[in-house]
Amino acid sequence: MNPLRPKPTLPSLPGRVCLVTGGATGIGLALTRALATAGAHVYVCDNSPSNLERASGDLAQVPGTASVTFAEVDVTDHAALEEWIAKVHAERGRIDVLVHNAAYIRWADVDEMSVEQDHTPGKRHPPRAHPTGHRHPP
């Protein structure tokens, strides 16, 4: 292998249908960009309209990312998450990849948080926010 031409980190994904929760910022946005530039149809949900708008503008500048669709969805809202997944499935007929990147983070000073707040089960991934449990039509 030529060290000046590294092996790609993602396989070619033309036509694959990918869902990314929490995909409008940070790692989620980087994964969205990587999947899209690898040829996938990427569907991104996030609960922040301003983050979705910013991500859409950022990705519009990146070649090869034309097939990215953004939706405002709070993954802790079971009905909204179910509706989003069903809509993507109805549009594309399948879902090939799921990146569950959405997380809940409490922003507070440590000295202002109780022990219970700091050790809340499911703080990173709320228990109801697991899209892998959602079924889509065959």
C-alpha atoms as a PDB file:
ATOM      1  CA  MET A   1       0.000   0.000   0.000  1.00  0.00           C
ATOM      2  CA  ASN A   2       1.276   3.437  -0.906  1.00  0.00           C
ATOM      3  CA  PRO A   3       1.660   5.515   2.306  1.00  0.00           C
ATOM      4  CA  LEU A   4       0.813   8.657   0.337  1.00  0.00           C
ATOM      5  CA  ARG A   5      -2.521   7.174  -0.664  1.00  0.00           C
ATOM      6  CA  PRO A   6      -4.103   5.722   2.493  1.00  0.00           C
ATOM      7  CA  LYS A   7      -6.808   3.110   2.370  1.00  0.00           C
ATOM      8  CA  PRO A   8     -10.297   4.648   2.750  1.00  0.00           C
ATOM      9  CA  THR A   9     -11.745   4.408   6.251  1.00  0.00           C
ATOM     10  CA  LEU A  10     -15.304   3.748   5.052  1.00  0.00           C
ATOM     11  CA  PRO A  11     -16.392   1.335   2.372  1.00  0.00           C
ATOM     12  CA  SER A  12     -18.191   2.690  -0.647  1.00  0.00           C
ATOM     13  CA  LEU A  13     -21.837   2.993   0.313  1.00  0.00           C
ATOM     14  CA  PRO A  14     -23.673   4.017  -2.857  1.00  0.00           C
ATOM     15  CA  GLY A  15     -27.410   3.684  -2.440  1.00  0.00           C
ATOM     16  CA  ARG A  16     -27.287   2.546   1.187  1.00  0.00           C
ATOM     17  CA  VAL A  17     -29.886   4.107   3.476  1.00  0.00           C
ATOM     18  CA  CYS A  18     -28.434   5.397   6.738  1.00  0.00           C
ATOM     19  CA  LEU A  19     -30.126   6.923   9.785  1.00  0.00           C
ATOM     20  CA  VAL A  20     -28.120   9.114  12.151  1.00  0.00           C
ATOM     21  CA  THR A  21     -29.692  10.284  15.396  1.00  0.00           C
ATOM     22  CA  GLY A  22     -28.073  13.355  16.920  1.00  0.00           C
ATOM     23  CA  GLY A  23     -26.412  13.980  13.581  1.00  0.00           C
ATOM     24  CA  ALA A  24     -26.396  17.775  13.428  1.00  0.00           C
ATOM     25  CA  THR A  25     -23.316  18.482  15.563  1.00  0.00           C
ATOM     26  CA  GLY A  26     -20.018  17.003  16.685  1.00  0.00           C
ATOM     27  CA  ILE A  27     -19.383  13.319  16.083  1.00  0.00           C
ATOM     28  CA  GLY A  28     -22.862  12.850  14.590  1.00  0.00           C
ATOM     29  CA  LEU A  29     -22.215  15.528  11.971  1.00  0.00           C
ATOM     30  CA  ALA A  30     -18.804  14.048  11.165  1.00  0.00           C
ATOM     31  CA  LEU A  31     -20.411  10.632  10.689  1.00  0.00           C
ATOM     32  CA  THR A  32     -23.155  12.161   8.557  1.00  0.00           C
ATOM     33  CA  ARG A  33     -20.513  13.790   6.337  1.00  0.00           C
ATOM     34  CA  ALA A  34     -18.508  10.555   6.075  1.00  0.00           C
ATOM     35  CA  LEU A  35     -21.543   8.428   5.187  1.00  0.00           C
ATOM     36  CA  ALA A  36     -22.782  10.946   2.626  1.00  0.00           C
ATOM     37  CA  THR A  37     -19.416  11.332   0.904  1.00  0.00           C
ATOM     38  CA  ALA A  38     -19.216   7.514   0.745  1.00  0.00           C
ATOM     39  CA  GLY A  39     -22.380   7.596  -1.381  1.00  0.00           C
ATOM     40  CA  ALA A  40     -25.114   6.834   1.150  1.00  0.00           C
ATOM     41  CA  HIS A  41     -28.562   8.391   1.408  1.00  0.00           C
ATOM     42  CA  VAL A  42     -28.336   9.831   4.918  1.00  0.00           C
ATOM     43  CA  TYR A  43     -31.302  10.774   7.093  1.00  0.00           C
ATOM     44  CA  VAL A  44     -30.401  12.866  10.110  1.00  0.00           C
ATOM     45  CA  CYS A  45     -32.523  13.707  13.110  1.00  0.00           C
ATOM     46  CA  ASP A  46     -31.762  16.133  15.886  1.00  0.00           C
ATOM     47  CA  ASN A  47     -33.905  17.991  18.389  1.00  0.00           C
ATOM     48  CA  SER A  48     -32.381  21.413  17.693  1.00  0.00           C
ATOM     49  CA  PRO A  49     -33.702  23.378  14.702  1.00  0.00           C
ATOM     50  CA  SER A  50     -30.737  25.770  14.819  1.00  0.00           C
ATOM     51  CA  ASN A  51     -28.238  22.881  14.788  1.00  0.00           C
ATOM     52  CA  LEU A  52     -30.088  21.249  11.884  1.00  0.00           C
ATOM     53  CA  GLU A  53     -30.023  24.502   9.919  1.00  0.00           C
ATOM     54  CA  ARG A  54     -26.312  25.016  10.594  1.00  0.00           C
ATOM     55  CA  ALA A  55     -25.490  21.403   9.644  1.00  0.00           C
ATOM     56  CA  SER A  56     -27.498  21.682   6.442  1.00  0.00           C
ATOM     57  CA  GLY A  57     -25.573  24.826   5.482  1.00  0.00           C
ATOM     58  CA  ASP A  58     -22.225  23.245   6.353  1.00  0.00           C
ATOM     59  CA  LEU A  59     -22.894  20.089   4.348  1.00  0.00           C
ATOM     60  CA  ALA A  60     -24.163  22.059   1.354  1.00  0.00           C
ATOM     61  CA  GLN A  61     -20.541  23.190   0.917  1.00  0.00           C
ATOM     62  CA  VAL A  62     -19.180  19.614   0.860  1.00  0.00           C
ATOM     63  CA  PRO A  63     -19.076  17.836  -2.527  1.00  0.00           C
ATOM     64  CA  GLY A  64     -20.908  14.527  -2.596  1.00  0.00           C
ATOM     65  CA  THR A  65     -23.324  15.235   0.241  1.00  0.00           C
ATOM     66  CA  ALA A  66     -26.440  16.049  -1.779  1.00  0.00           C
ATOM     67  CA  SER A  67     -28.392  13.073  -0.440  1.00  0.00           C
ATOM     68  CA  VAL A  68     -28.720  14.199   3.176  1.00  0.00           C
ATOM     69  CA  THR A  69     -32.169  14.823   4.638  1.00  0.00           C
ATOM     70  CA  PHE A  70     -32.660  16.564   7.973  1.00  0.00           C
ATOM     71  CA  ALA A  71     -35.593  16.255  10.386  1.00  0.00           C
ATOM     72  CA  GLU A  72     -36.353  17.748  13.773  1.00  0.00           C
ATOM     73  CA  VAL A  73     -37.023  14.737  15.985  1.00  0.00           C
ATOM     74  CA  ASP A  74     -36.593  14.302  19.734  1.00  0.00           C
ATOM     75  CA  VAL A  75     -35.522  10.666  20.121  1.00  0.00           C
ATOM     76  CA  THR A  76     -37.061  10.522  23.603  1.00  0.00           C
ATOM     77  CA  ASP A  77     -40.473  11.095  21.982  1.00  0.00           C
ATOM     78  CA  HIS A  78     -41.385   7.519  21.043  1.00  0.00           C
ATOM     79  CA  ALA A  79     -44.159   8.484  18.616  1.00  0.00           C
ATOM     80  CA  ALA A  80     -42.021  11.062  16.809  1.00  0.00           C
ATOM     81  CA  LEU A  81     -39.110   8.641  16.496  1.00  0.00           C
ATOM     82  CA  GLU A  82     -41.406   5.881  15.221  1.00  0.00           C
ATOM     83  CA  GLU A  83     -42.937   8.280  12.682  1.00  0.00           C
ATOM     84  CA  TRP A  84     -39.516   9.403  11.402  1.00  0.00           C
ATOM     85  CA  ILE A  85     -38.258   5.834  10.981  1.00  0.00           C
ATOM     86  CA  ALA A  86     -41.480   4.776   9.238  1.00  0.00           C
ATOM     87  CA  LYS A  87     -41.286   7.784   6.893  1.00  0.00           C
ATOM     88  CA  VAL A  88     -37.715   6.942   5.862  1.00  0.00           C
ATOM     89  CA  HIS A  89     -38.623   3.297   5.390  1.00  0.00           C
ATOM     90  CA  ALA A  90     -41.669   4.215   3.282  1.00  0.00           C
ATOM     91  CA  GLU A  91     -39.562   6.543   1.130  1.00  0.00           C
ATOM     92  CA  ARG A  92     -36.580   4.220   0.598  1.00  0.00           C
ATOM     93  CA  GLY A  93     -38.014   0.757   1.213  1.00  0.00           C
ATOM     94  CA  ARG A  94     -35.291  -0.222   3.643  1.00  0.00           C
ATOM     95  CA  ILE A  95     -32.823   0.957   6.275  1.00  0.00           C
ATOM     96  CA  ASP A  96     -29.284  -0.394   5.967  1.00  0.00           C
ATOM     97  CA  VAL A  97     -27.357   1.461   8.682  1.00  0.00           C
ATOM     98  CA  LEU A  98     -28.354   2.973  12.016  1.00  0.00           C
ATOM     99  CA  VAL A  99     -26.006   5.277  13.925  1.00  0.00           C
ATOM    100  CA  HIS A 100     -27.614   6.015  17.297  1.00  0.00           C
ATOM    101  CA  ASN A 101     -25.564   9.016  18.315  1.00  0.00           C
ATOM    102  CA  ALA A 102     -28.185  11.070  20.169  1.00  0.00           C
ATOM    103  CA  ALA A 103     -27.357  11.757  23.794  1.00  0.00           C
ATOM    104  CA  TYR A 104     -28.713  13.761  26.681  1.00  0.00           C
ATOM    105  CA  ILE A 105     -26.197  15.820  28.577  1.00  0.00           C
ATOM    106  CA  ARG A 106     -27.039  17.908  31.614  1.00  0.00           C
ATOM    107  CA  TRP A 107     -25.068  21.141  31.562  1.00  0.00           C
ATOM    108  CA  ALA A 108     -24.600  22.326  35.139  1.00  0.00           C
ATOM    109  CA  ASP A 109     -21.831  23.129  37.532  1.00  0.00           C
ATOM    110  CA  VAL A 110     -20.761  20.046  39.445  1.00  0.00           C
ATOM    111  CA  ASP A 111     -21.227  21.787  42.782  1.00  0.00           C
ATOM    112  CA  GLU A 112     -24.863  22.530  41.847  1.00  0.00           C
ATOM    113  CA  MET A 113     -25.760  18.924  40.946  1.00  0.00           C
ATOM    114  CA  SER A 114     -27.061  16.401  43.442  1.00  0.00           C
ATOM    115  CA  VAL A 115     -25.617  12.889  43.520  1.00  0.00           C
ATOM    116  CA  GLU A 116     -28.927  11.623  42.072  1.00  0.00           C
ATOM    117  CA  GLN A 117     -28.675  14.009  39.113  1.00  0.00           C
ATOM    118  CA  ASP A 118     -25.084  13.018  38.449  1.00  0.00           C
ATOM    119  CA  HIS A 119     -25.934   9.313  38.456  1.00  0.00           C
ATOM    120  CA  THR A 120     -29.205   9.424  36.545  1.00  0.00           C
ATOM    121  CA  PRO A 121     -29.571   6.097  34.722  1.00  0.00           C
ATOM    122  CA  GLY A 122     -29.739   6.580  31.000  1.00  0.00           C
ATOM    123  CA  LYS A 123     -28.272  10.077  31.189  1.00  0.00           C
ATOM    124  CA  ARG A 124     -26.350   9.570  27.976  1.00  0.00           C
ATOM    125  CA  HIS A 125     -29.000   7.528  26.169  1.00  0.00           C
ATOM    126  CA  PRO A 126     -32.447   7.877  27.691  1.00  0.00           C
ATOM    127  CA  PRO A 127     -34.120   4.461  28.076  1.00  0.00           C
ATOM    128  CA  ARG A 128     -36.902   5.330  25.630  1.00  0.00           C
ATOM    129  CA  ALA A 129     -34.460   6.529  22.979  1.00  0.00           C
ATOM    130  CA  HIS A 130     -33.476   3.265  21.375  1.00  0.00           C
ATOM    131  CA  PRO A 131     -34.399   3.279  17.695  1.00  0.00           C
ATOM    132  CA  THR A 132     -33.128  -0.285  17.249  1.00  0.00           C
ATOM    133  CA  GLY A 133     -36.269  -1.470  19.022  1.00  0.00           C
ATOM    134  CA  HIS A 134     -38.511   0.129  16.414  1.00  0.00           C
ATOM    135  CA  ARG A 135     -39.925  -2.166  13.805  1.00  0.00           C
ATOM    136  CA  HIS A 136     -40.491  -1.162  10.247  1.00  0.00           C
ATOM    137  CA  PRO A 137     -42.776  -2.818   7.729  1.00  0.00           C
ATOM    138  CA  PRO A 138     -41.293  -5.830   5.878  1.00  0.00           C
END
